[in-house]
Amino acid sequence: MSDANKPLNKKDQKRLDEKRGEGTGKDYIPFIRVGEFSSSGESVRVKSATVGRVHHFHSGNELAAFLLFDWYKEVIDIREQFPIPLIDSLIICRQLGIRHPQEKGELKIVTTDLLIDFADGSQLAIPVKPALELDKKRIREKLQIEKAYWEDEKVTCLIFTDQEVSNELKMNLKWIRPLIDIDIKAEYPFSKQDVIDLAARLARQPKAFVARHCAKLDDEYQLDEGTHIGVFRYGIANQYLKASLEIPFTDWKCEDIELLMNDSLEFGVGNAF
């Protein structure tokens, strides 16, 4: 039986019926959500500062790629697990002479891990894969399908692997991940106002290293050890504060920190200071 005559996977059909992969911005629903299939154990759901919704990622590499773009000012939308229309993927497979992705005789929808929209109207499609898996036949074929589809759509398609994740970025992700993963149940007694107050204190010593200066501020204000650095981590994780993720957080100086001011930033009474 040719691929074109095979049925669509029932779970994928249900996702299409639920309008998964449609819409933009806050209205977009990823085609595959966290928890719907077995992954590497690195699945995570995080909030986005750019889009204002919860994003679903199935690996640490996907999270790393997402954060790099979520912090980029020219990005206006990020859609994860974006589905390629079945009719298009079937045509591409026939043209390439390869078997369409399927499971137990049922066709599977091909998805691209990230679709980035920029303010100038351009887009970037990003398949995310471990570098060691690029030699696998089915991985190569899936990437061929994605590349061919996005080329037809006049959209640049670039592969992102763990080799693009620097040691500095890995270090920073490990540092902030417990605060951005919404499935980690933890209470942080900090507020946006605490972050604003901290930013003002850091600005007074622009050449000082943030971590060291936060320790000094704890002593100066007679607060529990780790209070100021706790507020700082909270600010970075929630993107009230911004710094380069390609520089280890231990090397950030006060002058490297930017307070992000926007309409959603509410002023109020701080909890920590």
C-alpha atoms as a PDB file:
ATOM      1  CA  MET A   1       0.000   0.000   0.000  1.00  0.00           C
ATOM      2  CA  SER A   2       1.369   3.405  -0.928  1.00  0.00           C
ATOM      3  CA  ASP A   3       1.840   5.982   1.826  1.00  0.00           C
ATOM      4  CA  ALA A   4      -0.876   8.175   0.301  1.00  0.00           C
ATOM      5  CA  ASN A   5      -3.462   5.424   0.923  1.00  0.00           C
ATOM      6  CA  LYS A   6      -2.512   4.803   4.548  1.00  0.00           C
ATOM      7  CA  PRO A   7      -4.619   6.217   7.405  1.00  0.00           C
ATOM      8  CA  LEU A   8      -3.458   9.021   9.633  1.00  0.00           C
ATOM      9  CA  ASN A   9      -2.439   8.106  13.173  1.00  0.00           C
ATOM     10  CA  LYS A  10      -5.511   8.394  15.408  1.00  0.00           C
ATOM     11  CA  LYS A  11      -3.764  10.528  18.034  1.00  0.00           C
ATOM     12  CA  ASP A  12      -2.504  12.918  15.364  1.00  0.00           C
ATOM     13  CA  GLN A  13      -5.993  13.121  13.841  1.00  0.00           C
ATOM     14  CA  LYS A  14      -7.373  14.034  17.253  1.00  0.00           C
ATOM     15  CA  ARG A  15      -4.726  16.763  17.586  1.00  0.00           C
ATOM     16  CA  LEU A  16      -5.744  18.186  14.217  1.00  0.00           C
ATOM     17  CA  ASP A  17      -9.397  18.081  15.276  1.00  0.00           C
ATOM     18  CA  GLU A  18      -8.401  20.064  18.399  1.00  0.00           C
ATOM     19  CA  LYS A  19      -6.840  22.731  16.144  1.00  0.00           C
ATOM     20  CA  ARG A  20      -3.364  21.982  17.434  1.00  0.00           C
ATOM     21  CA  GLY A  21      -0.687  23.900  15.536  1.00  0.00           C
ATOM     22  CA  GLU A  22      -3.087  26.656  14.510  1.00  0.00           C
ATOM     23  CA  GLY A  23      -3.166  30.301  15.526  1.00  0.00           C
ATOM     24  CA  THR A  24      -0.420  32.658  16.635  1.00  0.00           C
ATOM     25  CA  GLY A  25       0.807  34.314  19.799  1.00  0.00           C
ATOM     26  CA  LYS A  26      -1.124  33.455  22.951  1.00  0.00           C
ATOM     27  CA  ASP A  27      -3.711  31.524  20.919  1.00  0.00           C
ATOM     28  CA  TYR A  28      -1.253  28.992  19.491  1.00  0.00           C
ATOM     29  CA  ILE A  29      -1.401  25.426  20.812  1.00  0.00           C
ATOM     30  CA  PRO A  30       1.646  23.209  20.129  1.00  0.00           C
ATOM     31  CA  PHE A  31       0.884  20.074  18.146  1.00  0.00           C
ATOM     32  CA  ILE A  32       2.530  17.870  20.797  1.00  0.00           C
ATOM     33  CA  ARG A  33       2.444  18.818  24.457  1.00  0.00           C
ATOM     34  CA  VAL A  34       4.722  17.764  27.280  1.00  0.00           C
ATOM     35  CA  GLY A  35       3.696  14.382  28.657  1.00  0.00           C
ATOM     36  CA  GLU A  36       2.108  13.071  25.449  1.00  0.00           C
ATOM     37  CA  PHE A  37       5.013  10.838  24.479  1.00  0.00           C
ATOM     38  CA  SER A  38       8.134   9.443  26.124  1.00  0.00           C
ATOM     39  CA  SER A  39      11.150  11.756  25.865  1.00  0.00           C
ATOM     40  CA  SER A  40      14.640  12.013  27.291  1.00  0.00           C
ATOM     41  CA  GLY A  41      13.329  13.039  30.693  1.00  0.00           C
ATOM     42  CA  GLU A  42      14.226  16.669  29.965  1.00  0.00           C
ATOM     43  CA  SER A  43      10.695  17.796  29.127  1.00  0.00           C
ATOM     44  CA  VAL A  44       9.819  21.203  30.518  1.00  0.00           C
ATOM     45  CA  ARG A  45       7.019  23.771  30.370  1.00  0.00           C
ATOM     46  CA  VAL A  46       8.082  27.398  30.665  1.00  0.00           C
ATOM     47  CA  LYS A  47       6.458  30.797  30.344  1.00  0.00           C
ATOM     48  CA  SER A  48       7.521  33.098  27.530  1.00  0.00           C
ATOM     49  CA  ALA A  49       8.237  36.788  27.900  1.00  0.00           C
ATOM     50  CA  THR A  50       7.852  37.301  24.143  1.00  0.00           C
ATOM     51  CA  VAL A  51       4.542  35.520  23.623  1.00  0.00           C
ATOM     52  CA  GLY A  52       2.983  35.470  27.085  1.00  0.00           C
ATOM     53  CA  ARG A  53       1.949  31.817  27.158  1.00  0.00           C
ATOM     54  CA  VAL A  54       3.304  28.488  28.380  1.00  0.00           C
ATOM     55  CA  HIS A  55       5.593  26.684  25.927  1.00  0.00           C
ATOM     56  CA  HIS A  56       6.148  22.913  25.795  1.00  0.00           C
ATOM     57  CA  PHE A  57       9.643  21.505  25.173  1.00  0.00           C
ATOM     58  CA  HIS A  58      10.754  17.903  25.052  1.00  0.00           C
ATOM     59  CA  SER A  59      14.501  18.321  25.557  1.00  0.00           C
ATOM     60  CA  GLY A  60      17.064  20.600  27.128  1.00  0.00           C
ATOM     61  CA  ASN A  61      18.303  21.500  23.648  1.00  0.00           C
ATOM     62  CA  GLU A  62      14.849  22.750  22.651  1.00  0.00           C
ATOM     63  CA  LEU A  63      14.726  24.855  25.814  1.00  0.00           C
ATOM     64  CA  ALA A  64      18.174  26.308  25.080  1.00  0.00           C
ATOM     65  CA  ALA A  65      17.211  27.264  21.525  1.00  0.00           C
ATOM     66  CA  PHE A  66      13.942  28.778  22.737  1.00  0.00           C
ATOM     67  CA  LEU A  67      15.570  30.923  25.432  1.00  0.00           C
ATOM     68  CA  LEU A  68      18.099  32.359  22.990  1.00  0.00           C
ATOM     69  CA  PHE A  69      15.264  33.647  20.806  1.00  0.00           C
ATOM     70  CA  ASP A  70      12.868  34.515  23.633  1.00  0.00           C
ATOM     71  CA  TRP A  71      15.464  37.052  24.825  1.00  0.00           C
ATOM     72  CA  TYR A  72      15.957  38.561  21.361  1.00  0.00           C
ATOM     73  CA  LYS A  73      14.144  41.899  20.946  1.00  0.00           C
ATOM     74  CA  GLU A  74      13.301  41.416  17.254  1.00  0.00           C
ATOM     75  CA  VAL A  75      11.354  38.195  17.896  1.00  0.00           C
ATOM     76  CA  ILE A  76       7.560  38.642  18.062  1.00  0.00           C
ATOM     77  CA  ASP A  77       6.343  35.037  18.139  1.00  0.00           C
ATOM     78  CA  ILE A  78       7.690  31.555  18.850  1.00  0.00           C
ATOM     79  CA  ARG A  79       5.681  28.457  17.930  1.00  0.00           C
ATOM     80  CA  GLU A  80       6.940  25.060  19.061  1.00  0.00           C
ATOM     81  CA  GLN A  81       6.022  21.669  17.559  1.00  0.00           C
ATOM     82  CA  PHE A  82       4.665  23.313  14.408  1.00  0.00           C
ATOM     83  CA  PRO A  83       2.905  20.759  12.134  1.00  0.00           C
ATOM     84  CA  ILE A  84       3.656  20.460   8.440  1.00  0.00           C
ATOM     85  CA  PRO A  85       0.460  19.778   6.423  1.00  0.00           C
ATOM     86  CA  LEU A  86       0.168  16.065   5.671  1.00  0.00           C
ATOM     87  CA  ILE A  87      -0.559  16.641   1.985  1.00  0.00           C
ATOM     88  CA  ASP A  88       2.720  18.564   1.660  1.00  0.00           C
ATOM     89  CA  SER A  89       4.852  16.021   3.528  1.00  0.00           C
ATOM     90  CA  LEU A  90       3.384  13.196   1.409  1.00  0.00           C
ATOM     91  CA  ILE A  91       4.249  15.040  -1.810  1.00  0.00           C
ATOM     92  CA  ILE A  92       7.774  15.780  -0.561  1.00  0.00           C
ATOM     93  CA  CYS A  93       8.363  12.135   0.410  1.00  0.00           C
ATOM     94  CA  ARG A  94       7.215  10.977  -3.016  1.00  0.00           C
ATOM     95  CA  GLN A  95       9.524  13.493  -4.702  1.00  0.00           C
ATOM     96  CA  LEU A  96      12.465  12.476  -2.504  1.00  0.00           C
ATOM     97  CA  GLY A  97      11.729   8.774  -2.848  1.00  0.00           C
ATOM     98  CA  ILE A  98      11.574   8.187   0.897  1.00  0.00           C
ATOM     99  CA  ARG A  99       9.047   6.574   3.218  1.00  0.00           C
ATOM    100  CA  HIS A 100       6.726   8.966   5.039  1.00  0.00           C
ATOM    101  CA  PRO A 101       7.099   8.923   8.860  1.00  0.00           C
ATOM    102  CA  GLN A 102       4.610   6.439  10.265  1.00  0.00           C
ATOM    103  CA  GLU A 103       3.848   4.241  13.226  1.00  0.00           C
ATOM    104  CA  LYS A 104       2.334   0.767  12.942  1.00  0.00           C
ATOM    105  CA  GLY A 105       1.084   1.471   9.441  1.00  0.00           C
ATOM    106  CA  GLU A 106      -0.436   4.849  10.325  1.00  0.00           C
ATOM    107  CA  LEU A 107       0.997   8.110   8.998  1.00  0.00           C
ATOM    108  CA  LYS A 108       2.476  10.563  11.499  1.00  0.00           C
ATOM    109  CA  ILE A 109       2.354  14.349  11.186  1.00  0.00           C
ATOM    110  CA  VAL A 110       5.833  15.841  10.710  1.00  0.00           C
ATOM    111  CA  THR A 111       6.534  18.747  13.039  1.00  0.00           C
ATOM    112  CA  THR A 112       9.242  21.393  13.220  1.00  0.00           C
ATOM    113  CA  ASP A 113      10.510  22.057  16.735  1.00  0.00           C
ATOM    114  CA  LEU A 114      10.531  25.872  16.547  1.00  0.00           C
ATOM    115  CA  LEU A 115       9.087  28.441  14.156  1.00  0.00           C
ATOM    116  CA  ILE A 116      10.327  31.960  14.903  1.00  0.00           C
ATOM    117  CA  ASP A 117       8.595  35.128  13.674  1.00  0.00           C
ATOM    118  CA  PHE A 118      10.584  38.376  13.497  1.00  0.00           C
ATOM    119  CA  ALA A 119       9.375  41.973  13.574  1.00  0.00           C
ATOM    120  CA  ASP A 120      10.486  42.537   9.959  1.00  0.00           C
ATOM    121  CA  GLY A 121       8.112  39.827   8.750  1.00  0.00           C
ATOM    122  CA  SER A 122      10.748  37.152   8.210  1.00  0.00           C
ATOM    123  CA  GLN A 123      10.627  33.673   9.731  1.00  0.00           C
ATOM    124  CA  LEU A 124      13.100  30.994  10.794  1.00  0.00           C
ATOM    125  CA  ALA A 125      12.326  27.281  11.116  1.00  0.00           C
ATOM    126  CA  ILE A 126      14.504  25.335  13.550  1.00  0.00           C
ATOM    127  CA  PRO A 127      14.631  21.548  13.835  1.00  0.00           C
ATOM    128  CA  VAL A 128      16.406  20.656  17.104  1.00  0.00           C
ATOM    129  CA  LYS A 129      18.345  17.398  17.198  1.00  0.00           C
ATOM    130  CA  PRO A 130      21.213  15.832  19.193  1.00  0.00           C
ATOM    131  CA  ALA A 131      24.352  15.935  17.051  1.00  0.00           C
ATOM    132  CA  LEU A 132      24.948  12.192  17.561  1.00  0.00           C
ATOM    133  CA  GLU A 133      21.584  11.381  15.953  1.00  0.00           C
ATOM    134  CA  LEU A 134      22.214  13.235  12.685  1.00  0.00           C
ATOM    135  CA  ASP A 135      23.676  10.075  11.111  1.00  0.00           C
ATOM    136  CA  LYS A 136      20.503   8.060  11.712  1.00  0.00           C
ATOM    137  CA  LYS A 137      18.599   7.388   8.486  1.00  0.00           C
ATOM    138  CA  ARG A 138      15.124   8.308   9.770  1.00  0.00           C
ATOM    139  CA  ILE A 139      16.417  11.507  11.388  1.00  0.00           C
ATOM    140  CA  ARG A 140      18.111  12.531   8.129  1.00  0.00           C
ATOM    141  CA  GLU A 141      14.949  11.801   6.160  1.00  0.00           C
ATOM    142  CA  LYS A 142      12.757  13.791   8.541  1.00  0.00           C
ATOM    143  CA  LEU A 143      15.151  16.729   8.272  1.00  0.00           C
ATOM    144  CA  GLN A 144      14.989  16.440   4.480  1.00  0.00           C
ATOM    145  CA  ILE A 145      11.199  16.702   4.646  1.00  0.00           C
ATOM    146  CA  GLU A 146      11.345  19.766   6.894  1.00  0.00           C
ATOM    147  CA  LYS A 147      14.007  21.495   4.801  1.00  0.00           C
ATOM    148  CA  ALA A 148      12.110  20.884   1.551  1.00  0.00           C
ATOM    149  CA  TYR A 149       8.839  22.166   3.018  1.00  0.00           C
ATOM    150  CA  TRP A 150      10.309  25.359   4.437  1.00  0.00           C
ATOM    151  CA  GLU A 151      12.282  26.039   1.270  1.00  0.00           C
ATOM    152  CA  ASP A 152       8.991  25.890  -0.653  1.00  0.00           C
ATOM    153  CA  GLU A 153       7.562  28.344   1.896  1.00  0.00           C
ATOM    154  CA  LYS A 154      10.575  30.659   1.372  1.00  0.00           C
ATOM    155  CA  VAL A 155      11.525  30.246   5.049  1.00  0.00           C
ATOM    156  CA  THR A 156      15.115  29.669   6.184  1.00  0.00           C
ATOM    157  CA  CYS A 157      15.532  26.314   7.963  1.00  0.00           C
ATOM    158  CA  LEU A 158      18.527  25.817  10.267  1.00  0.00           C
ATOM    159  CA  ILE A 159      19.325  22.761  12.388  1.00  0.00           C
ATOM    160  CA  PHE A 160      20.116  23.414  16.055  1.00  0.00           C
ATOM    161  CA  THR A 161      22.122  20.749  17.914  1.00  0.00           C
ATOM    162  CA  ASP A 162      23.687  20.418  21.330  1.00  0.00           C
ATOM    163  CA  GLN A 163      26.949  21.560  19.715  1.00  0.00           C
ATOM    164  CA  GLU A 164      25.390  25.036  19.467  1.00  0.00           C
ATOM    165  CA  VAL A 165      24.826  25.044  23.236  1.00  0.00           C
ATOM    166  CA  SER A 166      27.939  26.533  24.816  1.00  0.00           C
ATOM    167  CA  ASN A 167      29.170  25.475  28.254  1.00  0.00           C
ATOM    168  CA  GLU A 168      28.282  28.971  29.452  1.00  0.00           C
ATOM    169  CA  LEU A 169      24.706  28.616  28.265  1.00  0.00           C
ATOM    170  CA  LYS A 170      24.411  25.157  29.847  1.00  0.00           C
ATOM    171  CA  MET A 171      25.661  26.593  33.138  1.00  0.00           C
ATOM    172  CA  ASN A 172      23.162  29.449  33.063  1.00  0.00           C
ATOM    173  CA  LEU A 173      20.257  27.156  32.122  1.00  0.00           C
ATOM    174  CA  LYS A 174      21.061  24.841  35.029  1.00  0.00           C
ATOM    175  CA  TRP A 175      21.107  27.903  37.315  1.00  0.00           C
ATOM    176  CA  ILE A 176      17.739  29.330  36.271  1.00  0.00           C
ATOM    177  CA  ARG A 177      15.800  26.230  35.194  1.00  0.00           C
ATOM    178  CA  PRO A 178      14.335  25.468  38.663  1.00  0.00           C
ATOM    179  CA  LEU A 179      12.734  28.922  38.572  1.00  0.00           C
ATOM    180  CA  ILE A 180      11.354  28.801  35.018  1.00  0.00           C
ATOM    181  CA  ASP A 181       9.969  25.252  35.033  1.00  0.00           C
ATOM    182  CA  ILE A 182       6.307  25.744  35.970  1.00  0.00           C
ATOM    183  CA  ASP A 183       6.013  22.071  36.954  1.00  0.00           C
ATOM    184  CA  ILE A 184       8.520  22.481  39.777  1.00  0.00           C
ATOM    185  CA  LYS A 185       6.403  23.394  42.748  1.00  0.00           C
ATOM    186  CA  ALA A 186       8.275  26.048  44.698  1.00  0.00           C
ATOM    187  CA  GLU A 187       7.374  29.246  46.459  1.00  0.00           C
ATOM    188  CA  TYR A 188       9.598  32.279  45.959  1.00  0.00           C
ATOM    189  CA  PRO A 189       8.813  35.152  48.355  1.00  0.00           C
ATOM    190  CA  PHE A 190       9.847  37.827  45.883  1.00  0.00           C
ATOM    191  CA  SER A 191       7.985  40.429  43.856  1.00  0.00           C
ATOM    192  CA  LYS A 192       8.584  42.591  40.799  1.00  0.00           C
ATOM    193  CA  GLN A 193       9.137  45.531  43.102  1.00  0.00           C
ATOM    194  CA  ASP A 194      11.952  43.627  44.822  1.00  0.00           C
ATOM    195  CA  VAL A 195      13.586  43.226  41.405  1.00  0.00           C
ATOM    196  CA  ILE A 196      13.236  46.944  40.689  1.00  0.00           C
ATOM    197  CA  ASP A 197      14.785  47.800  44.066  1.00  0.00           C
ATOM    198  CA  LEU A 198      17.641  45.375  43.435  1.00  0.00           C
ATOM    199  CA  ALA A 199      18.325  46.833  39.983  1.00  0.00           C
ATOM    200  CA  ALA A 200      18.672  50.283  41.548  1.00  0.00           C
ATOM    201  CA  ARG A 201      21.175  48.973  44.091  1.00  0.00           C
ATOM    202  CA  LEU A 202      23.224  47.149  41.453  1.00  0.00           C
ATOM    203  CA  ALA A 203      23.338  50.263  39.265  1.00  0.00           C
ATOM    204  CA  ARG A 204      25.269  52.112  41.974  1.00  0.00           C
ATOM    205  CA  GLN A 205      28.252  49.756  41.507  1.00  0.00           C
ATOM    206  CA  PRO A 206      28.434  49.126  37.741  1.00  0.00           C
ATOM    207  CA  LYS A 207      31.892  47.508  37.755  1.00  0.00           C
ATOM    208  CA  ALA A 208      31.161  45.079  40.589  1.00  0.00           C
ATOM    209  CA  PHE A 209      30.424  41.409  39.930  1.00  0.00           C
ATOM    210  CA  VAL A 210      26.752  40.745  40.571  1.00  0.00           C
ATOM    211  CA  ALA A 211      27.159  37.632  42.729  1.00  0.00           C
ATOM    212  CA  ARG A 212      29.775  39.207  44.996  1.00  0.00           C
ATOM    213  CA  HIS A 213      27.918  42.486  45.262  1.00  0.00           C
ATOM    214  CA  CYS A 214      24.678  40.717  46.177  1.00  0.00           C
ATOM    215  CA  ALA A 215      26.496  39.100  49.113  1.00  0.00           C
ATOM    216  CA  LYS A 216      27.730  42.517  50.229  1.00  0.00           C
ATOM    217  CA  LEU A 217      24.221  43.924  49.962  1.00  0.00           C
ATOM    218  CA  ASP A 218      22.923  41.170  52.242  1.00  0.00           C
ATOM    219  CA  ASP A 219      25.395  42.334  54.897  1.00  0.00           C
ATOM    220  CA  GLU A 220      24.719  46.000  54.272  1.00  0.00           C
ATOM    221  CA  TYR A 221      20.953  45.644  54.649  1.00  0.00           C
ATOM    222  CA  GLN A 222      21.238  42.976  57.367  1.00  0.00           C
ATOM    223  CA  LEU A 223      19.279  40.393  55.394  1.00  0.00           C
ATOM    224  CA  ASP A 224      19.574  36.611  55.358  1.00  0.00           C
ATOM    225  CA  GLU A 225      22.466  35.267  53.311  1.00  0.00           C
ATOM    226  CA  GLY A 226      21.399  34.725  49.694  1.00  0.00           C
ATOM    227  CA  THR A 227      18.473  37.167  49.732  1.00  0.00           C
ATOM    228  CA  HIS A 228      19.767  39.542  47.051  1.00  0.00           C
ATOM    229  CA  ILE A 229      21.072  36.784  44.751  1.00  0.00           C
ATOM    230  CA  GLY A 230      17.726  35.028  45.198  1.00  0.00           C
ATOM    231  CA  VAL A 231      15.897  38.135  44.015  1.00  0.00           C
ATOM    232  CA  PHE A 232      18.371  38.396  41.142  1.00  0.00           C
ATOM    233  CA  ARG A 233      17.746  34.788  40.003  1.00  0.00           C
ATOM    234  CA  TYR A 234      14.012  35.424  40.260  1.00  0.00           C
ATOM    235  CA  GLY A 235      14.375  38.538  38.099  1.00  0.00           C
ATOM    236  CA  ILE A 236      16.460  36.765  35.457  1.00  0.00           C
ATOM    237  CA  ALA A 237      14.197  33.710  35.336  1.00  0.00           C
ATOM    238  CA  ASN A 238      11.075  35.828  34.911  1.00  0.00           C
ATOM    239  CA  GLN A 239      12.827  38.143  32.449  1.00  0.00           C
ATOM    240  CA  TYR A 240      12.396  41.273  34.531  1.00  0.00           C
ATOM    241  CA  LEU A 241      16.203  41.434  34.344  1.00  0.00           C
ATOM    242  CA  LYS A 242      18.281  40.597  31.303  1.00  0.00           C
ATOM    243  CA  ALA A 243      21.910  39.630  30.765  1.00  0.00           C
ATOM    244  CA  SER A 244      23.806  37.673  28.126  1.00  0.00           C
ATOM    245  CA  LEU A 245      23.156  33.950  28.477  1.00  0.00           C
ATOM    246  CA  GLU A 246      26.445  33.329  26.663  1.00  0.00           C
ATOM    247  CA  ILE A 247      28.396  34.732  29.630  1.00  0.00           C
ATOM    248  CA  PRO A 248      28.500  32.629  32.843  1.00  0.00           C
ATOM    249  CA  PHE A 249      26.283  34.167  35.527  1.00  0.00           C
ATOM    250  CA  THR A 250      29.319  34.189  37.821  1.00  0.00           C
ATOM    251  CA  ASP A 251      31.003  36.676  35.466  1.00  0.00           C
ATOM    252  CA  TRP A 252      28.087  39.072  35.075  1.00  0.00           C
ATOM    253  CA  LYS A 253      28.869  42.607  36.233  1.00  0.00           C
ATOM    254  CA  CYS A 254      26.261  45.034  37.470  1.00  0.00           C
ATOM    255  CA  GLU A 255      26.645  47.119  34.315  1.00  0.00           C
ATOM    256  CA  ASP A 256      25.733  44.055  32.228  1.00  0.00           C
ATOM    257  CA  ILE A 257      22.265  43.842  33.764  1.00  0.00           C
ATOM    258  CA  GLU A 258      19.282  45.457  32.052  1.00  0.00           C
ATOM    259  CA  LEU A 259      15.972  46.096  33.790  1.00  0.00           C
ATOM    260  CA  LEU A 260      13.216  45.314  31.306  1.00  0.00           C
ATOM    261  CA  MET A 261      10.457  47.865  31.621  1.00  0.00           C
ATOM    262  CA  ASN A 262       7.151  47.144  29.904  1.00  0.00           C
ATOM    263  CA  ASP A 263       3.421  47.632  30.325  1.00  0.00           C
ATOM    264  CA  SER A 264       3.034  44.386  32.242  1.00  0.00           C
ATOM    265  CA  LEU A 265       5.560  45.377  34.894  1.00  0.00           C
ATOM    266  CA  GLU A 266       3.498  46.320  37.890  1.00  0.00           C
ATOM    267  CA  PHE A 267       4.878  48.456  40.658  1.00  0.00           C
ATOM    268  CA  GLY A 268       4.014  47.562  44.199  1.00  0.00           C
ATOM    269  CA  VAL A 269       5.335  46.803  47.634  1.00  0.00           C
ATOM    270  CA  GLY A 270       8.355  44.532  47.774  1.00  0.00           C
ATOM    271  CA  ASN A 271       8.463  41.374  49.884  1.00  0.00           C
ATOM    272  CA  ALA A 272      12.192  40.743  50.312  1.00  0.00           C
ATOM    273  CA  PHE A 273      13.666  44.124  51.249  1.00  0.00           C
END
